[in-house]
């Protein structure tokens, strides 16, 4: 595999991370879980293990709160490192979430995360996320 293809794949996975957070964690779209995650997806976050079903359950509950309180989540990423290993790509990044209602900032969060993506059905999908909350 040439360096141009490797770089293209890495950029594709970085975009996948960004788009998955927009679709799943900001838009709370349960239909996008299967688009962005493998069937055996696992999220390890602060000692808790999530799978696609637990993510979907969380999104449904969060959507009710979001609609009632009229807020939205904005995301920002700062990618630190990436590794390409033929059929697997690993990326590490800072993830910054901001919850806003109109012009008001309701809260912020900062996580240090890594993602593992694999080729699944001809496209890159997230197989695992590992997330640790960064305390201020």
Protein backbone atom coordinates (compact mmCIF):
# COMPACT_ATOMS: atom_id res chain seq x y z
CA UNK A 1 0.00 0.00 0.00
CA UNK A 2 1.48 3.34 -0.98
CA UNK A 3 1.81 6.33 1.34
CA UNK A 4 -0.84 8.29 -0.55
CA UNK A 5 -3.43 5.53 0.03
CA UNK A 6 -2.40 5.24 3.68
CA UNK A 7 -2.86 8.99 4.21
CA UNK A 8 -6.22 8.91 2.39
CA UNK A 9 -7.42 6.06 4.63
CA UNK A 10 -6.31 7.89 7.79
CA UNK A 11 -8.12 11.06 6.71
CA UNK A 12 -11.20 8.97 5.94
CA UNK A 13 -11.16 7.53 9.46
CA UNK A 14 -10.67 10.97 11.03
CA UNK A 15 -13.72 12.14 9.06
CA UNK A 16 -15.58 9.03 10.21
CA UNK A 17 -14.87 9.91 13.84
CA UNK A 18 -16.09 13.49 13.33
CA UNK A 19 -19.20 12.48 11.36
CA UNK A 20 -20.12 9.70 13.79
CA UNK A 21 -20.09 12.18 16.68
CA UNK A 22 -22.24 14.61 14.69
CA UNK A 23 -24.76 11.95 13.66
CA UNK A 24 -24.84 9.86 16.83
CA UNK A 25 -23.89 12.05 19.81
CA UNK A 26 -25.10 15.46 18.53
CA UNK A 27 -28.06 14.57 16.29
CA UNK A 28 -28.93 11.52 18.46
CA UNK A 29 -29.76 9.52 15.31
CA UNK A 30 -30.04 5.84 16.25
CA UNK A 31 -30.28 4.92 12.56
CA UNK A 32 -26.69 6.10 12.03
CA UNK A 33 -25.22 3.66 14.56
CA UNK A 34 -25.05 0.89 11.97
CA UNK A 35 -23.63 3.27 9.38
CA UNK A 36 -20.66 4.25 11.56
CA UNK A 37 -20.19 1.26 13.93
CA UNK A 38 -19.41 -2.41 13.34
CA UNK A 39 -21.90 -4.93 14.73
CA UNK A 40 -19.45 -5.80 17.51
CA UNK A 41 -18.71 -2.15 18.38
CA UNK A 42 -17.60 -1.42 21.93
CA UNK A 43 -17.13 1.90 23.72
CA UNK A 44 -15.02 1.86 26.88
CA UNK A 45 -15.71 5.04 28.83
CA UNK A 46 -14.56 5.69 32.38
CA UNK A 47 -14.96 2.06 33.44
CA UNK A 48 -18.27 1.48 31.63
CA UNK A 49 -18.67 -0.82 28.61
CA UNK A 50 -21.16 0.29 25.95
CA UNK A 51 -22.33 -1.56 22.84
CA UNK A 52 -24.61 -0.48 20.00
CA UNK A 53 -27.75 -1.35 21.99
CA UNK A 54 -26.71 0.65 25.06
CA UNK A 55 -25.72 3.58 22.83
CA UNK A 56 -29.16 3.49 21.15
CA UNK A 57 -30.91 3.33 24.54
CA UNK A 58 -28.91 6.36 25.75
CA UNK A 59 -29.69 8.33 22.56
CA UNK A 60 -33.44 7.79 22.94
CA UNK A 61 -33.40 9.07 26.53
CA UNK A 62 -31.09 11.97 25.64
CA UNK A 63 -33.31 12.95 22.70
CA UNK A 64 -36.26 13.40 25.05
CA UNK A 65 -34.18 15.71 27.29
CA UNK A 66 -32.77 17.62 24.35
CA UNK A 67 -36.19 18.22 22.80
CA UNK A 68 -37.69 19.28 26.15
CA UNK A 69 -34.84 21.66 26.99
CA UNK A 70 -34.06 22.82 23.42
CA UNK A 71 -30.27 22.50 23.56
CA UNK A 72 -27.69 21.10 21.17
CA UNK A 73 -24.25 19.55 21.38
CA UNK A 74 -21.30 20.93 19.40
CA UNK A 75 -18.12 18.92 18.88
CA UNK A 76 -14.49 19.83 18.24
CA UNK A 77 -11.57 17.46 17.73
CA UNK A 78 -7.82 17.80 17.99
CA UNK A 79 -6.15 14.71 16.47
CA UNK A 80 -2.89 13.70 18.12
CA UNK A 81 -1.65 10.56 16.39
CA UNK A 82 -2.74 7.90 13.92
CA UNK A 83 -1.47 4.48 12.90
CA UNK A 84 -2.40 2.48 9.79
CA UNK A 85 -2.05 -1.30 9.93
CA UNK A 86 -3.40 -2.69 6.63
CA UNK A 87 -7.03 -3.33 7.59
CA UNK A 88 -7.04 -1.41 10.87
CA UNK A 89 -6.54 2.27 11.68
CA UNK A 90 -6.03 3.65 15.17
CA UNK A 91 -6.39 7.36 15.96
CA UNK A 92 -5.94 9.28 19.22
CA UNK A 93 -7.53 12.67 19.79
CA UNK A 94 -8.96 15.22 22.18
CA UNK A 95 -12.75 15.51 21.95
CA UNK A 96 -14.39 18.71 23.16
CA UNK A 97 -18.16 18.86 23.65
CA UNK A 98 -20.12 22.06 24.20
CA UNK A 99 -23.84 22.14 24.99
CA UNK A 100 -25.60 25.32 23.94
CA UNK A 101 -29.08 26.76 24.06
CA UNK A 102 -29.35 29.73 21.74
CA UNK A 103 -26.42 32.00 22.62
CA UNK A 104 -25.93 30.43 26.07
CA UNK A 105 -23.32 27.78 26.84
CA UNK A 106 -24.86 25.26 29.22
CA UNK A 107 -21.77 23.13 29.74
CA UNK A 108 -18.53 21.81 28.32
CA UNK A 109 -16.63 18.52 28.47
CA UNK A 110 -13.21 17.33 27.37
CA UNK A 111 -12.26 13.71 26.69
CA UNK A 112 -9.03 12.04 25.66
CA UNK A 113 -10.04 9.29 23.26
CA UNK A 114 -8.84 6.70 20.83
CA UNK A 115 -10.70 4.95 18.05
CA UNK A 116 -10.08 1.73 16.18
CA UNK A 117 -11.60 1.48 12.73
CA UNK A 118 -11.69 -1.57 10.47
CA UNK A 119 -12.82 -2.20 6.92
CA UNK A 120 -16.35 -3.57 7.13
CA UNK A 121 -18.44 -4.27 4.03
CA UNK A 122 -15.97 -2.27 1.93
CA UNK A 123 -15.87 0.85 4.09
CA UNK A 124 -14.24 2.04 7.28
CA UNK A 125 -16.34 1.64 10.45
CA UNK A 126 -15.61 2.19 14.12
CA UNK A 127 -15.06 -1.04 16.01
CA UNK A 128 -13.96 0.46 19.31
CA UNK A 129 -13.78 3.80 21.09
CA UNK A 130 -11.92 4.35 24.34
CA UNK A 131 -12.77 7.52 26.22
CA UNK A 132 -11.43 9.10 29.39
CA UNK A 133 -12.85 12.31 30.78
CA UNK A 134 -10.21 15.01 31.25
CA UNK A 135 -10.81 16.80 34.51
CA UNK A 136 -10.15 20.51 34.75
